[in-house]
Amino acid sequence: MKNAALVLNRVVLGMAFAIGAPALALAAQPAPDGNAAEMDSEQPVTDTWITTKVKADLAVTEGVSATEISVNTTNGVVTLIGVVDSETAMNKAIAVAKGIKGVTDVDASGLKVK
């Protein structure tokens, strides 16, 4: 689990810098006790944060090829577009998106099974 947290940290950091939002990288830092558990915050969740978090979580989800899925968020609604290997992978991707704080709905009509 510690390795998964480290991978997640690296993915989020890389994505944050790649999209030009270094401030997002700070949110990916582990809690002071070394765990990657989410810390409570009074900060509002933004669409950009949701998109980055969904992409990062998909990248560490077994059986889901995150590079084949595009993620967009508007007003808390996550849109997933792309091609997945199976119905199971599609369901996992949807579940990951639904599990992110701030997500109000998930539109997976753009996800197709190979």
N, C-alpha and C. Protein backbone atom coordinates (compact mmCIF):
# COMPACT_ATOMS: atom_id res chain seq x y z
N MET A 1 0.82 -1.19 0.00
CA MET A 1 0.00 0.00 0.00
C MET A 1 0.87 1.25 0.00
N LYS A 2 2.00 1.19 0.69
CA LYS A 2 2.90 2.34 0.74
C LYS A 2 3.44 2.65 -0.65
N ASN A 3 3.74 1.60 -1.44
CA ASN A 3 4.22 1.80 -2.81
C ASN A 3 3.14 2.44 -3.67
N ALA A 4 1.89 2.03 -3.48
CA ALA A 4 0.79 2.62 -4.25
C ALA A 4 0.65 4.10 -3.91
N ALA A 5 0.81 4.44 -2.64
CA ALA A 5 0.72 5.85 -2.23
C ALA A 5 1.85 6.65 -2.86
N LEU A 6 3.04 6.07 -2.91
CA LEU A 6 4.19 6.74 -3.51
C LEU A 6 3.96 6.95 -5.00
N VAL A 7 3.45 5.92 -5.67
CA VAL A 7 3.16 6.03 -7.11
C VAL A 7 2.11 7.10 -7.33
N LEU A 8 1.06 7.10 -6.51
CA LEU A 8 0.00 8.09 -6.63
C LEU A 8 0.56 9.49 -6.44
N ASN A 9 1.41 9.65 -5.45
CA ASN A 9 2.05 10.95 -5.20
C ASN A 9 2.81 11.41 -6.43
N ARG A 10 3.60 10.53 -7.01
CA ARG A 10 4.41 10.89 -8.17
C ARG A 10 3.54 11.22 -9.37
N VAL A 11 2.47 10.47 -9.57
CA VAL A 11 1.58 10.72 -10.70
C VAL A 11 0.91 12.08 -10.54
N VAL A 12 0.40 12.35 -9.35
CA VAL A 12 -0.28 13.63 -9.13
C VAL A 12 0.69 14.78 -9.27
N LEU A 13 1.89 14.63 -8.72
CA LEU A 13 2.90 15.69 -8.84
C LEU A 13 3.24 15.94 -10.30
N GLY A 14 3.47 14.88 -11.04
CA GLY A 14 3.82 15.03 -12.45
C GLY A 14 2.70 15.67 -13.24
N MET A 15 1.47 15.26 -12.97
CA MET A 15 0.33 15.83 -13.68
C MET A 15 0.14 17.29 -13.31
N ALA A 16 0.33 17.61 -12.05
CA ALA A 16 0.15 18.99 -11.60
C ALA A 16 1.15 19.91 -12.29
N PHE A 17 2.38 19.48 -12.35
CA PHE A 17 3.39 20.31 -13.02
C PHE A 17 3.16 20.35 -14.52
N ALA A 18 2.71 19.24 -15.08
CA ALA A 18 2.48 19.19 -16.52
C ALA A 18 1.35 20.14 -16.95
N ILE A 19 0.34 20.30 -16.12
CA ILE A 19 -0.76 21.19 -16.49
C ILE A 19 -0.52 22.61 -15.99
N GLY A 20 0.64 22.85 -15.40
CA GLY A 20 0.99 24.20 -15.01
C GLY A 20 0.33 24.65 -13.73
N ALA A 21 0.06 23.72 -12.83
CA ALA A 21 -0.59 24.09 -11.57
C ALA A 21 0.21 23.55 -10.40
N PRO A 22 1.38 24.12 -10.13
CA PRO A 22 2.21 23.61 -9.04
C PRO A 22 1.51 23.59 -7.70
N ALA A 23 0.54 24.43 -7.50
CA ALA A 23 -0.17 24.43 -6.22
C ALA A 23 -0.90 23.12 -5.98
N LEU A 24 -1.34 22.46 -7.06
CA LEU A 24 -2.02 21.18 -6.90
C LEU A 24 -1.08 20.12 -6.34
N ALA A 25 0.20 20.26 -6.61
CA ALA A 25 1.17 19.28 -6.14
C ALA A 25 1.21 19.23 -4.62
N LEU A 26 0.98 20.35 -3.98
CA LEU A 26 0.99 20.38 -2.52
C LEU A 26 -0.11 19.50 -1.95
N ALA A 27 -1.24 19.41 -2.63
CA ALA A 27 -2.34 18.59 -2.15
C ALA A 27 -2.01 17.11 -2.22
N ALA A 28 -1.01 16.73 -3.00
CA ALA A 28 -0.66 15.32 -3.17
C ALA A 28 0.35 14.85 -2.13
N GLN A 29 0.81 15.74 -1.27
CA GLN A 29 1.80 15.35 -0.28
C GLN A 29 1.17 14.46 0.79
N PRO A 30 1.92 13.49 1.31
CA PRO A 30 1.37 12.63 2.34
C PRO A 30 1.11 13.41 3.61
N ALA A 31 0.21 12.87 4.42
CA ALA A 31 -0.09 13.47 5.71
C ALA A 31 1.18 13.46 6.57
N PRO A 32 1.26 14.33 7.57
CA PRO A 32 2.46 14.42 8.40
C PRO A 32 2.88 13.09 9.03
N ASP A 33 1.94 12.17 9.23
CA ASP A 33 2.30 10.88 9.82
C ASP A 33 2.85 9.90 8.79
N GLY A 34 2.98 10.34 7.54
CA GLY A 34 3.56 9.50 6.50
C GLY A 34 2.52 8.75 5.68
N ASN A 35 1.27 8.77 6.11
CA ASN A 35 0.21 8.09 5.37
C ASN A 35 -0.30 9.01 4.27
N ALA A 36 -0.78 8.44 3.21
CA ALA A 36 -1.31 9.24 2.11
C ALA A 36 -2.80 9.47 2.28
N ALA A 37 -3.30 9.27 3.48
CA ALA A 37 -4.73 9.46 3.74
C ALA A 37 -5.10 10.91 3.47
N GLU A 38 -6.33 11.10 3.01
CA GLU A 38 -6.77 12.46 2.72
C GLU A 38 -6.88 13.25 4.01
N MET A 39 -6.45 14.50 3.93
CA MET A 39 -6.56 15.38 5.07
C MET A 39 -7.81 16.24 4.87
N ASP A 40 -8.53 16.52 5.95
CA ASP A 40 -9.70 17.38 5.87
C ASP A 40 -9.25 18.80 5.60
N SER A 41 -10.04 19.50 4.82
CA SER A 41 -9.70 20.87 4.48
C SER A 41 -10.98 21.65 4.29
N GLU A 42 -10.92 22.92 4.61
CA GLU A 42 -12.05 23.80 4.39
C GLU A 42 -12.01 24.39 2.99
N GLN A 43 -10.96 24.09 2.22
CA GLN A 43 -10.81 24.61 0.87
C GLN A 43 -11.89 24.00 -0.04
N PRO A 44 -12.47 24.80 -0.93
CA PRO A 44 -13.45 24.24 -1.86
C PRO A 44 -12.77 23.32 -2.87
N VAL A 45 -13.49 22.31 -3.31
CA VAL A 45 -12.97 21.39 -4.31
C VAL A 45 -13.27 22.00 -5.67
N THR A 46 -12.24 22.13 -6.51
CA THR A 46 -12.43 22.71 -7.84
C THR A 46 -12.51 21.62 -8.90
N ASP A 47 -13.04 22.00 -10.06
CA ASP A 47 -13.12 21.05 -11.17
C ASP A 47 -11.73 20.57 -11.57
N THR A 48 -10.75 21.47 -11.55
CA THR A 48 -9.38 21.10 -11.90
C THR A 48 -8.84 20.06 -10.93
N TRP A 49 -9.09 20.27 -9.63
CA TRP A 49 -8.63 19.31 -8.63
C TRP A 49 -9.29 17.96 -8.84
N ILE A 50 -10.61 17.97 -9.10
CA ILE A 50 -11.34 16.71 -9.32
C ILE A 50 -10.75 15.98 -10.52
N THR A 51 -10.54 16.68 -11.64
CA THR A 51 -9.99 16.05 -12.84
C THR A 51 -8.63 15.42 -12.55
N THR A 52 -7.77 16.17 -11.87
CA THR A 52 -6.43 15.67 -11.55
C THR A 52 -6.51 14.45 -10.64
N LYS A 53 -7.38 14.49 -9.66
CA LYS A 53 -7.52 13.38 -8.71
C LYS A 53 -8.08 12.13 -9.40
N VAL A 54 -9.06 12.31 -10.27
CA VAL A 54 -9.62 11.17 -11.00
C VAL A 54 -8.53 10.54 -11.87
N LYS A 55 -7.78 11.37 -12.62
CA LYS A 55 -6.71 10.84 -13.47
C LYS A 55 -5.67 10.08 -12.64
N ALA A 56 -5.29 10.65 -11.51
CA ALA A 56 -4.28 10.01 -10.67
C ALA A 56 -4.80 8.69 -10.11
N ASP A 57 -6.05 8.67 -9.67
CA ASP A 57 -6.60 7.43 -9.12
C ASP A 57 -6.78 6.36 -10.20
N LEU A 58 -7.16 6.77 -11.40
CA LEU A 58 -7.26 5.81 -12.50
C LEU A 58 -5.90 5.21 -12.83
N ALA A 59 -4.84 6.02 -12.72
CA ALA A 59 -3.49 5.56 -13.04
C ALA A 59 -3.03 4.43 -12.12
N VAL A 60 -3.57 4.36 -10.93
CA VAL A 60 -3.15 3.31 -9.98
C VAL A 60 -4.25 2.27 -9.76
N THR A 61 -5.26 2.29 -10.62
CA THR A 61 -6.34 1.31 -10.51
C THR A 61 -6.02 0.12 -11.41
N GLU A 62 -5.90 -1.03 -10.79
CA GLU A 62 -5.57 -2.26 -11.52
C GLU A 62 -6.68 -2.59 -12.52
N GLY A 63 -6.27 -2.90 -13.74
CA GLY A 63 -7.22 -3.29 -14.77
C GLY A 63 -7.78 -2.13 -15.58
N VAL A 64 -7.34 -0.92 -15.27
CA VAL A 64 -7.80 0.26 -16.01
C VAL A 64 -6.60 0.95 -16.65
N SER A 65 -6.67 1.16 -17.95
CA SER A 65 -5.59 1.85 -18.66
C SER A 65 -5.92 3.34 -18.69
N ALA A 66 -5.37 4.07 -17.72
CA ALA A 66 -5.68 5.49 -17.57
C ALA A 66 -5.26 6.31 -18.79
N THR A 67 -4.27 5.84 -19.52
CA THR A 67 -3.82 6.59 -20.69
C THR A 67 -4.84 6.57 -21.82
N GLU A 68 -5.79 5.66 -21.75
CA GLU A 68 -6.81 5.54 -22.78
C GLU A 68 -8.09 6.29 -22.42
N ILE A 69 -8.11 6.95 -21.24
CA ILE A 69 -9.32 7.62 -20.78
C ILE A 69 -9.05 9.11 -20.60
N SER A 70 -9.87 9.91 -21.22
CA SER A 70 -9.82 11.37 -21.06
C SER A 70 -10.82 11.74 -19.96
N VAL A 71 -10.41 12.66 -19.09
CA VAL A 71 -11.26 13.08 -17.97
C VAL A 71 -11.46 14.59 -18.04
N ASN A 72 -12.71 15.01 -18.00
CA ASN A 72 -13.05 16.43 -17.94
C ASN A 72 -14.08 16.61 -16.83
N THR A 73 -14.01 17.75 -16.16
CA THR A 73 -14.96 18.03 -15.08
C THR A 73 -15.53 19.43 -15.26
N THR A 74 -16.85 19.51 -15.18
CA THR A 74 -17.55 20.79 -15.24
C THR A 74 -18.61 20.82 -14.15
N ASN A 75 -18.48 21.77 -13.24
CA ASN A 75 -19.42 21.91 -12.13
C ASN A 75 -19.61 20.60 -11.35
N GLY A 76 -18.52 19.88 -11.16
CA GLY A 76 -18.56 18.64 -10.38
C GLY A 76 -18.97 17.40 -11.17
N VAL A 77 -19.36 17.58 -12.42
CA VAL A 77 -19.76 16.44 -13.26
C VAL A 77 -18.54 15.98 -14.04
N VAL A 78 -18.13 14.74 -13.80
CA VAL A 78 -16.96 14.16 -14.45
C VAL A 78 -17.41 13.45 -15.73
N THR A 79 -16.74 13.78 -16.83
CA THR A 79 -17.01 13.12 -18.11
C THR A 79 -15.80 12.25 -18.46
N LEU A 80 -16.07 10.97 -18.68
CA LEU A 80 -15.03 10.01 -19.06
C LEU A 80 -15.22 9.65 -20.52
N ILE A 81 -14.14 9.79 -21.29
CA ILE A 81 -14.18 9.48 -22.72
C ILE A 81 -12.97 8.62 -23.06
N GLY A 82 -13.20 7.55 -23.81
CA GLY A 82 -12.09 6.72 -24.23
C GLY A 82 -12.49 5.29 -24.46
N VAL A 83 -11.47 4.45 -24.56
CA VAL A 83 -11.67 3.03 -24.84
C VAL A 83 -11.08 2.22 -23.69
N VAL A 84 -11.85 1.25 -23.21
CA VAL A 84 -11.39 0.37 -22.15
C VAL A 84 -11.43 -1.07 -22.64
N ASP A 85 -10.71 -1.94 -21.94
CA ASP A 85 -10.60 -3.33 -22.37
C ASP A 85 -11.84 -4.17 -22.10
N SER A 86 -12.62 -3.79 -21.09
CA SER A 86 -13.75 -4.63 -20.71
C SER A 86 -14.81 -3.83 -19.96
N GLU A 87 -15.95 -4.44 -19.79
CA GLU A 87 -17.03 -3.86 -19.00
C GLU A 87 -16.57 -3.66 -17.56
N THR A 88 -15.76 -4.59 -17.06
CA THR A 88 -15.23 -4.48 -15.70
C THR A 88 -14.36 -3.24 -15.56
N ALA A 89 -13.50 -2.99 -16.54
CA ALA A 89 -12.64 -1.81 -16.52
C ALA A 89 -13.49 -0.54 -16.55
N MET A 90 -14.56 -0.57 -17.34
CA MET A 90 -15.44 0.59 -17.41
C MET A 90 -16.09 0.85 -16.04
N ASN A 91 -16.58 -0.21 -15.43
CA ASN A 91 -17.22 -0.07 -14.12
C ASN A 91 -16.23 0.42 -13.06
N LYS A 92 -14.99 -0.05 -13.12
CA LYS A 92 -13.97 0.43 -12.19
C LYS A 92 -13.70 1.91 -12.38
N ALA A 93 -13.58 2.34 -13.63
CA ALA A 93 -13.31 3.75 -13.92
C ALA A 93 -14.45 4.63 -13.40
N ILE A 94 -15.67 4.20 -13.60
CA ILE A 94 -16.83 4.96 -13.12
C ILE A 94 -16.82 5.01 -11.59
N ALA A 95 -16.54 3.88 -10.96
CA ALA A 95 -16.51 3.83 -9.49
C ALA A 95 -15.41 4.73 -8.93
N VAL A 96 -14.26 4.75 -9.58
CA VAL A 96 -13.16 5.63 -9.14
C VAL A 96 -13.62 7.08 -9.18
N ALA A 97 -14.21 7.48 -10.30
CA ALA A 97 -14.65 8.86 -10.44
C ALA A 97 -15.72 9.22 -9.41
N LYS A 98 -16.66 8.33 -9.21
CA LYS A 98 -17.74 8.58 -8.24
C LYS A 98 -17.21 8.70 -6.82
N GLY A 99 -16.07 8.07 -6.55
CA GLY A 99 -15.51 8.07 -5.20
C GLY A 99 -14.71 9.31 -4.83
N ILE A 100 -14.56 10.24 -5.76
CA ILE A 100 -13.76 11.44 -5.51
C ILE A 100 -14.63 12.53 -4.88
N LYS A 101 -14.09 13.14 -3.85
CA LYS A 101 -14.77 14.23 -3.16
C LYS A 101 -15.11 15.34 -4.15
N GLY A 102 -16.34 15.82 -4.11
CA GLY A 102 -16.76 16.92 -4.96
C GLY A 102 -17.45 16.49 -6.24
N VAL A 103 -17.37 15.20 -6.58
CA VAL A 103 -18.02 14.71 -7.80
C VAL A 103 -19.52 14.60 -7.54
N THR A 104 -20.31 15.26 -8.40
CA THR A 104 -21.75 15.22 -8.25
C THR A 104 -22.40 14.20 -9.18
N ASP A 105 -21.72 13.89 -10.29
CA ASP A 105 -22.24 12.91 -11.24
C ASP A 105 -21.11 12.48 -12.16
N VAL A 106 -21.28 11.32 -12.80
CA VAL A 106 -20.29 10.83 -13.75
C VAL A 106 -21.00 10.49 -15.05
N ASP A 107 -20.53 11.10 -16.14
CA ASP A 107 -21.03 10.81 -17.48
C ASP A 107 -20.02 9.91 -18.17
N ALA A 108 -20.37 8.65 -18.32
CA ALA A 108 -19.46 7.69 -18.95
C ALA A 108 -19.96 7.27 -20.33
N SER A 109 -20.86 8.05 -20.91
CA SER A 109 -21.41 7.70 -22.21
C SER A 109 -20.34 7.70 -23.31
N GLY A 110 -19.21 8.37 -23.04
CA GLY A 110 -18.11 8.39 -24.00
C GLY A 110 -17.11 7.27 -23.83
N LEU A 111 -17.33 6.41 -22.84
CA LEU A 111 -16.45 5.24 -22.64
C LEU A 111 -16.98 4.08 -23.47
N LYS A 112 -16.10 3.47 -24.22
CA LYS A 112 -16.46 2.33 -25.06
C LYS A 112 -15.57 1.15 -24.75
N VAL A 113 -16.14 -0.06 -24.84
CA VAL A 113 -15.36 -1.28 -24.65
C VAL A 113 -14.82 -1.71 -26.01
N LYS A 114 -13.50 -2.09 -26.02
CA LYS A 114 -12.86 -2.53 -27.28
C LYS A 114 -13.61 -3.68 -27.90
